[in-house]
Amino acid sequence: MKYDCNRTLDFSHECRRMCDSMRDCGGCPLHTRCKDLSDITQKHIDIVQKWSDEHSEMPKLTREERFP
């Protein structure tokens, strides 16, 4: 699934997913801003969108798809 980080919910979802995937906050492109995202700029959106595009999320299968 491709997310559009210009949409608030998509940005929030992908920002959390990016944060959860990092082992070290120092390697995160938003490490100085992750605790306070109240003033999000287009630069922050672009950073998360770039990460999202490079790290696609695996689709989740329904029970019927897992156990046909």
PDB file of N, CA and C in Angstrom:
ATOM      1  N   MET A   1       0.842  -1.175   0.000  1.00  0.00           N
ATOM      2  CA  MET A   1       0.000   0.000   0.000  1.00  0.00           C
ATOM      3  C   MET A   1       0.888   1.238   0.000  1.00  0.00           C
ATOM      4  N   LYS A   2       0.532   2.200  -0.808  1.00  0.00           N
ATOM      5  CA  LYS A   2       1.273   3.456  -0.878  1.00  0.00           C
ATOM      6  C   LYS A   2       0.531   4.513  -0.076  1.00  0.00           C
ATOM      7  N   TYR A   3       1.273   5.186   0.778  1.00  0.00           N
ATOM      8  CA  TYR A   3       0.692   6.235   1.616  1.00  0.00           C
ATOM      9  C   TYR A   3       1.029   7.610   1.059  1.00  0.00           C
ATOM     10  N   ASP A   4       0.109   8.543   1.278  1.00  0.00           N
ATOM     11  CA  ASP A   4       0.319   9.939   0.907  1.00  0.00           C
ATOM     12  C   ASP A   4       0.516  10.721   2.197  1.00  0.00           C
ATOM     13  N   CYS A   5       1.765  11.041   2.527  1.00  0.00           N
ATOM     14  CA  CYS A   5       2.088  11.672   3.803  1.00  0.00           C
ATOM     15  C   CYS A   5       1.631  13.123   3.888  1.00  0.00           C
ATOM     16  N   ASN A   6       1.064  13.656   2.815  1.00  0.00           N
ATOM     17  CA  ASN A   6       0.448  14.974   2.896  1.00  0.00           C
ATOM     18  C   ASN A   6      -0.898  14.887   3.618  1.00  0.00           C
ATOM     19  N   ARG A   7      -1.410  13.676   3.737  1.00  0.00           N
ATOM     20  CA  ARG A   7      -2.634  13.445   4.505  1.00  0.00           C
ATOM     21  C   ARG A   7      -2.225  13.176   5.957  1.00  0.00           C
ATOM     22  N   THR A   8      -2.879  13.814   6.893  1.00  0.00           N
ATOM     23  CA  THR A   8      -2.491  13.756   8.303  1.00  0.00           C
ATOM     24  C   THR A   8      -2.424  12.335   8.851  1.00  0.00           C
ATOM     25  N   LEU A   9      -3.434  11.539   8.596  1.00  0.00           N
ATOM     26  CA  LEU A   9      -3.438  10.171   9.124  1.00  0.00           C
ATOM     27  C   LEU A   9      -2.339   9.319   8.510  1.00  0.00           C
ATOM     28  N   ASP A  10      -2.096   9.486   7.225  1.00  0.00           N
ATOM     29  CA  ASP A  10      -1.016   8.744   6.576  1.00  0.00           C
ATOM     30  C   ASP A  10       0.344   9.172   7.132  1.00  0.00           C
ATOM     31  N   PHE A  11       0.522  10.472   7.320  1.00  0.00           N
ATOM     32  CA  PHE A  11       1.783  10.971   7.886  1.00  0.00           C
ATOM     33  C   PHE A  11       2.000  10.390   9.276  1.00  0.00           C
ATOM     34  N   SER A  12       0.981  10.438  10.103  1.00  0.00           N
ATOM     35  CA  SER A  12       1.084   9.922  11.467  1.00  0.00           C
ATOM     36  C   SER A  12       1.417   8.433  11.481  1.00  0.00           C
ATOM     37  N   HIS A  13       0.719   7.665  10.644  1.00  0.00           N
ATOM     38  CA  HIS A  13       0.953   6.223  10.554  1.00  0.00           C
ATOM     39  C   HIS A  13       2.386   5.929  10.124  1.00  0.00           C
ATOM     40  N   GLU A  14       2.827   6.580   9.074  1.00  0.00           N
ATOM     41  CA  GLU A  14       4.159   6.316   8.536  1.00  0.00           C
ATOM     42  C   GLU A  14       5.269   6.859   9.432  1.00  0.00           C
ATOM     43  N   CYS A  15       5.011   7.950  10.117  1.00  0.00           N
ATOM     44  CA  CYS A  15       5.983   8.493  11.060  1.00  0.00           C
ATOM     45  C   CYS A  15       6.188   7.494  12.198  1.00  0.00           C
ATOM     46  N   ARG A  16       5.111   6.935  12.723  1.00  0.00           N
ATOM     47  CA  ARG A  16       5.191   5.932  13.790  1.00  0.00           C
ATOM     48  C   ARG A  16       5.898   4.671  13.284  1.00  0.00           C
ATOM     49  N   ARG A  17       5.566   4.243  12.082  1.00  0.00           N
ATOM     50  CA  ARG A  17       6.194   3.040  11.510  1.00  0.00           C
ATOM     51  C   ARG A  17       7.692   3.263  11.318  1.00  0.00           C
ATOM     52  N   MET A  18       8.070   4.466  10.868  1.00  0.00           N
ATOM     53  CA  MET A  18       9.488   4.790  10.685  1.00  0.00           C
ATOM     54  C   MET A  18      10.190   4.772  12.038  1.00  0.00           C
ATOM     55  N   CYS A  19       9.569   5.377  13.037  1.00  0.00           N
ATOM     56  CA  CYS A  19      10.151   5.414  14.377  1.00  0.00           C
ATOM     57  C   CYS A  19      10.317   4.000  14.938  1.00  0.00           C
ATOM     58  N   ASP A  20       9.297   3.168  14.790  1.00  0.00           N
ATOM     59  CA  ASP A  20       9.354   1.801  15.292  1.00  0.00           C
ATOM     60  C   ASP A  20      10.417   0.964  14.598  1.00  0.00           C
ATOM     61  N   SER A  21      10.761   1.320  13.375  1.00  0.00           N
ATOM     62  CA  SER A  21      11.738   0.529  12.623  1.00  0.00           C
ATOM     63  C   SER A  21      13.184   0.905  12.957  1.00  0.00           C
ATOM     64  N   MET A  22      13.384   2.028  13.619  1.00  0.00           N
ATOM     65  CA  MET A  22      14.733   2.501  13.929  1.00  0.00           C
ATOM     66  C   MET A  22      15.245   1.835  15.196  1.00  0.00           C
ATOM     67  N   ARG A  23      16.478   1.369  15.161  1.00  0.00           N
ATOM     68  CA  ARG A  23      17.103   0.790  16.349  1.00  0.00           C
ATOM     69  C   ARG A  23      17.731   1.879  17.215  1.00  0.00           C
ATOM     70  N   ASP A  24      18.153   2.944  16.564  1.00  0.00           N
ATOM     71  CA  ASP A  24      18.844   4.020  17.249  1.00  0.00           C
ATOM     72  C   ASP A  24      18.251   5.340  16.785  1.00  0.00           C
ATOM     73  N   CYS A  25      17.801   6.152  17.716  1.00  0.00           N
ATOM     74  CA  CYS A  25      17.179   7.428  17.349  1.00  0.00           C
ATOM     75  C   CYS A  25      18.140   8.348  16.596  1.00  0.00           C
ATOM     76  N   GLY A  26      19.441   8.186  16.813  1.00  0.00           N
ATOM     77  CA  GLY A  26      20.419   9.012  16.115  1.00  0.00           C
ATOM     78  C   GLY A  26      20.396   8.804  14.614  1.00  0.00           C
ATOM     79  N   GLY A  27      19.933   7.647  14.161  1.00  0.00           N
ATOM     80  CA  GLY A  27      19.857   7.355  12.740  1.00  0.00           C
ATOM     81  C   GLY A  27      18.570   7.818  12.088  1.00  0.00           C
ATOM     82  N   CYS A  28      17.640   8.296  12.898  1.00  0.00           N
ATOM     83  CA  CYS A  28      16.348   8.727  12.389  1.00  0.00           C
ATOM     84  C   CYS A  28      16.441  10.142  11.835  1.00  0.00           C
ATOM     85  N   PRO A  29      15.897  10.386  10.656  1.00  0.00           N
ATOM     86  CA  PRO A  29      15.957  11.732  10.086  1.00  0.00           C
ATOM     87  C   PRO A  29      15.127  12.757  10.866  1.00  0.00           C
ATOM     88  N   LEU A  30      14.242  12.314  11.734  1.00  0.00           N
ATOM     89  CA  LEU A  30      13.434  13.242  12.538  1.00  0.00           C
ATOM     90  C   LEU A  30      13.807  13.197  14.020  1.00  0.00           C
ATOM     91  N   HIS A  31      14.985  12.673  14.354  1.00  0.00           N
ATOM     92  CA  HIS A  31      15.318  12.439  15.761  1.00  0.00           C
ATOM     93  C   HIS A  31      15.281  13.690  16.623  1.00  0.00           C
ATOM     94  N   THR A  32      15.458  14.849  16.063  1.00  0.00           N
ATOM     95  CA  THR A  32      15.398  16.066  16.869  1.00  0.00           C
ATOM     96  C   THR A  32      13.973  16.595  16.982  1.00  0.00           C
ATOM     97  N   ARG A  33      13.034  16.030  16.218  1.00  0.00           N
ATOM     98  CA  ARG A  33      11.661  16.535  16.189  1.00  0.00           C
ATOM     99  C   ARG A  33      10.611  15.515  16.612  1.00  0.00           C
ATOM    100  N   CYS A  34      10.990  14.278  16.845  1.00  0.00           N
ATOM    101  CA  CYS A  34       9.973  13.234  17.013  1.00  0.00           C
ATOM    102  C   CYS A  34       9.101  13.424  18.249  1.00  0.00           C
ATOM    103  N   LYS A  35       9.587  14.067  19.281  1.00  0.00           N
ATOM    104  CA  LYS A  35       8.775  14.255  20.481  1.00  0.00           C
ATOM    105  C   LYS A  35       7.773  15.403  20.329  1.00  0.00           C
ATOM    106  N   ASP A  36       8.039  16.318  19.394  1.00  0.00           N
ATOM    107  CA  ASP A  36       7.142  17.457  19.201  1.00  0.00           C
ATOM    108  C   ASP A  36       6.891  17.668  17.715  1.00  0.00           C
ATOM    109  N   LEU A  37       5.835  17.057  17.229  1.00  0.00           N
ATOM    110  CA  LEU A  37       5.474  17.205  15.819  1.00  0.00           C
ATOM    111  C   LEU A  37       4.306  18.179  15.668  1.00  0.00           C
ATOM    112  N   SER A  38       4.210  19.125  16.594  1.00  0.00           N
ATOM    113  CA  SER A  38       3.115  20.089  16.538  1.00  0.00           C
ATOM    114  C   SER A  38       3.317  21.127  15.437  1.00  0.00           C
ATOM    115  N   ASP A  39       4.546  21.315  15.002  1.00  0.00           N
ATOM    116  CA  ASP A  39       4.848  22.298  13.965  1.00  0.00           C
ATOM    117  C   ASP A  39       5.495  21.596  12.772  1.00  0.00           C
ATOM    118  N   ILE A  40       4.704  20.803  12.081  1.00  0.00           N
ATOM    119  CA  ILE A  40       5.200  20.005  10.954  1.00  0.00           C
ATOM    120  C   ILE A  40       5.305  20.889   9.721  1.00  0.00           C
ATOM    121  N   THR A  41       6.443  20.809   9.067  1.00  0.00           N
ATOM    122  CA  THR A  41       6.649  21.566   7.835  1.00  0.00           C
ATOM    123  C   THR A  41       6.635  20.605   6.649  1.00  0.00           C
ATOM    124  N   GLN A  42       6.639  21.165   5.470  1.00  0.00           N
ATOM    125  CA  GLN A  42       6.690  20.337   4.266  1.00  0.00           C
ATOM    126  C   GLN A  42       7.970  19.511   4.236  1.00  0.00           C
ATOM    127  N   LYS A  43       9.041  20.021   4.819  1.00  0.00           N
ATOM    128  CA  LYS A  43      10.307  19.281   4.881  1.00  0.00           C
ATOM    129  C   LYS A  43      10.128  17.986   5.673  1.00  0.00           C
ATOM    130  N   HIS A  44       9.413  18.041   6.800  1.00  0.00           N
ATOM    131  CA  HIS A  44       9.164  16.837   7.596  1.00  0.00           C
ATOM    132  C   HIS A  44       8.316  15.839   6.809  1.00  0.00           C
ATOM    133  N   ILE A  45       7.307  16.357   6.138  1.00  0.00           N
ATOM    134  CA  ILE A  45       6.439  15.496   5.329  1.00  0.00           C
ATOM    135  C   ILE A  45       7.247  14.820   4.235  1.00  0.00           C
ATOM    136  N   ASP A  46       8.114  15.572   3.581  1.00  0.00           N
ATOM    137  CA  ASP A  46       8.946  15.016   2.504  1.00  0.00           C
ATOM    138  C   ASP A  46       9.882  13.927   3.019  1.00  0.00           C
ATOM    139  N   ILE A  47      10.434  14.122   4.226  1.00  0.00           N
ATOM    140  CA  ILE A  47      11.340  13.123   4.822  1.00  0.00           C
ATOM    141  C   ILE A  47      10.588  11.822   5.066  1.00  0.00           C
ATOM    142  N   VAL A  48       9.412  11.918   5.673  1.00  0.00           N
ATOM    143  CA  VAL A  48       8.631  10.725   5.977  1.00  0.00           C
ATOM    144  C   VAL A  48       8.120  10.076   4.690  1.00  0.00           C
ATOM    145  N   GLN A  49       7.729  10.878   3.697  1.00  0.00           N
ATOM    146  CA  GLN A  49       7.253  10.327   2.429  1.00  0.00           C
ATOM    147  C   GLN A  49       8.361   9.561   1.729  1.00  0.00           C
ATOM    148  N   LYS A  50       9.556  10.116   1.729  1.00  0.00           N
ATOM    149  CA  LYS A  50      10.706   9.447   1.093  1.00  0.00           C
ATOM    150  C   LYS A  50      10.961   8.106   1.777  1.00  0.00           C
ATOM    151  N   TRP A  51      10.965   8.105   3.111  1.00  0.00           N
ATOM    152  CA  TRP A  51      11.181   6.861   3.848  1.00  0.00           C
ATOM    153  C   TRP A  51      10.070   5.861   3.524  1.00  0.00           C
ATOM    154  N   SER A  52       8.831   6.333   3.523  1.00  0.00           N
ATOM    155  CA  SER A  52       7.683   5.476   3.246  1.00  0.00           C
ATOM    156  C   SER A  52       7.785   4.840   1.857  1.00  0.00           C
ATOM    157  N   ASP A  53       8.179   5.623   0.875  1.00  0.00           N
ATOM    158  CA  ASP A  53       8.314   5.103  -0.489  1.00  0.00           C
ATOM    159  C   ASP A  53       9.399   4.039  -0.577  1.00  0.00           C
ATOM    160  N   GLU A  54      10.443   4.180   0.227  1.00  0.00           N
ATOM    161  CA  GLU A  54      11.563   3.234   0.196  1.00  0.00           C
ATOM    162  C   GLU A  54      11.318   1.997   1.056  1.00  0.00           C
ATOM    163  N   HIS A  55      10.333   2.035   1.943  1.00  0.00           N
ATOM    164  CA  HIS A  55      10.064   0.933   2.871  1.00  0.00           C
ATOM    165  C   HIS A  55       8.581   0.580   2.831  1.00  0.00           C
ATOM    166  N   SER A  56       8.174  -0.064   1.774  1.00  0.00           N
ATOM    167  CA  SER A  56       6.750  -0.382   1.622  1.00  0.00           C
ATOM    168  C   SER A  56       6.302  -1.350   2.714  1.00  0.00           C
ATOM    169  N   GLU A  57       5.070  -1.185   3.109  1.00  0.00           N
ATOM    170  CA  GLU A  57       4.481  -2.002   4.161  1.00  0.00           C
ATOM    171  C   GLU A  57       3.923  -3.282   3.555  1.00  0.00           C
ATOM    172  N   MET A  58       4.171  -4.380   4.227  1.00  0.00           N
ATOM    173  CA  MET A  58       3.656  -5.657   3.748  1.00  0.00           C
ATOM    174  C   MET A  58       2.140  -5.683   3.939  1.00  0.00           C
ATOM    175  N   PRO A  59       1.407  -6.177   2.948  1.00  0.00           N
ATOM    176  CA  PRO A  59      -0.047  -6.249   3.100  1.00  0.00           C
ATOM    177  C   PRO A  59      -0.425  -7.266   4.174  1.00  0.00           C
ATOM    178  N   LYS A  60      -1.526  -7.000   4.870  1.00  0.00           N
ATOM    179  CA  LYS A  60      -2.006  -7.922   5.896  1.00  0.00           C
ATOM    180  C   LYS A  60      -3.089  -8.788   5.283  1.00  0.00           C
ATOM    181  N   LEU A  61      -2.942 -10.086   5.479  1.00  0.00           N
ATOM    182  CA  LEU A  61      -3.896 -11.032   4.929  1.00  0.00           C
ATOM    183  C   LEU A  61      -5.069 -11.233   5.884  1.00  0.00           C
ATOM    184  N   THR A  62      -6.225 -11.452   5.313  1.00  0.00           N
ATOM    185  CA  THR A  62      -7.389 -11.786   6.131  1.00  0.00           C
ATOM    186  C   THR A  62      -7.289 -13.247   6.546  1.00  0.00           C
ATOM    187  N   ARG A  63      -8.107 -13.645   7.492  1.00  0.00           N
ATOM    188  CA  ARG A  63      -8.111 -15.040   7.938  1.00  0.00           C
ATOM    189  C   ARG A  63      -8.412 -15.981   6.768  1.00  0.00           C
ATOM    190  N   GLU A  64      -9.337 -15.570   5.897  1.00  0.00           N
ATOM    191  CA  GLU A  64      -9.707 -16.410   4.748  1.00  0.00           C
ATOM    192  C   GLU A  64      -8.533 -16.537   3.773  1.00  0.00           C
ATOM    193  N   GLU A  65      -7.755 -15.503   3.641  1.00  0.00           N
ATOM    194  CA  GLU A  65      -6.604 -15.564   2.745  1.00  0.00           C
ATOM    195  C   GLU A  65      -5.480 -16.420   3.344  1.00  0.00           C
ATOM    196  N   ARG A  66      -5.355 -16.392   4.660  1.00  0.00           N
ATOM    197  CA  ARG A  66      -4.316 -17.193   5.319  1.00  0.00           C
ATOM    198  C   ARG A  66      -4.672 -18.668   5.372  1.00  0.00           C
ATOM    199  N   PHE A  67      -5.941 -18.954   5.572  1.00  0.00           N
ATOM    200  CA  PHE A  67      -6.392 -20.340   5.724  1.00  0.00           C
ATOM    201  C   PHE A  67      -7.501 -20.643   4.730  1.00  0.00           C
ATOM    202  N   PRO A  68      -7.148 -20.830   3.456  1.00  0.00           N
ATOM    203  CA  PRO A  68      -8.193 -21.056   2.434  1.00  0.00           C
ATOM    204  C   PRO A  68      -8.907 -22.385   2.608  1.00  0.00           C
TER     205      PRO A  68
END
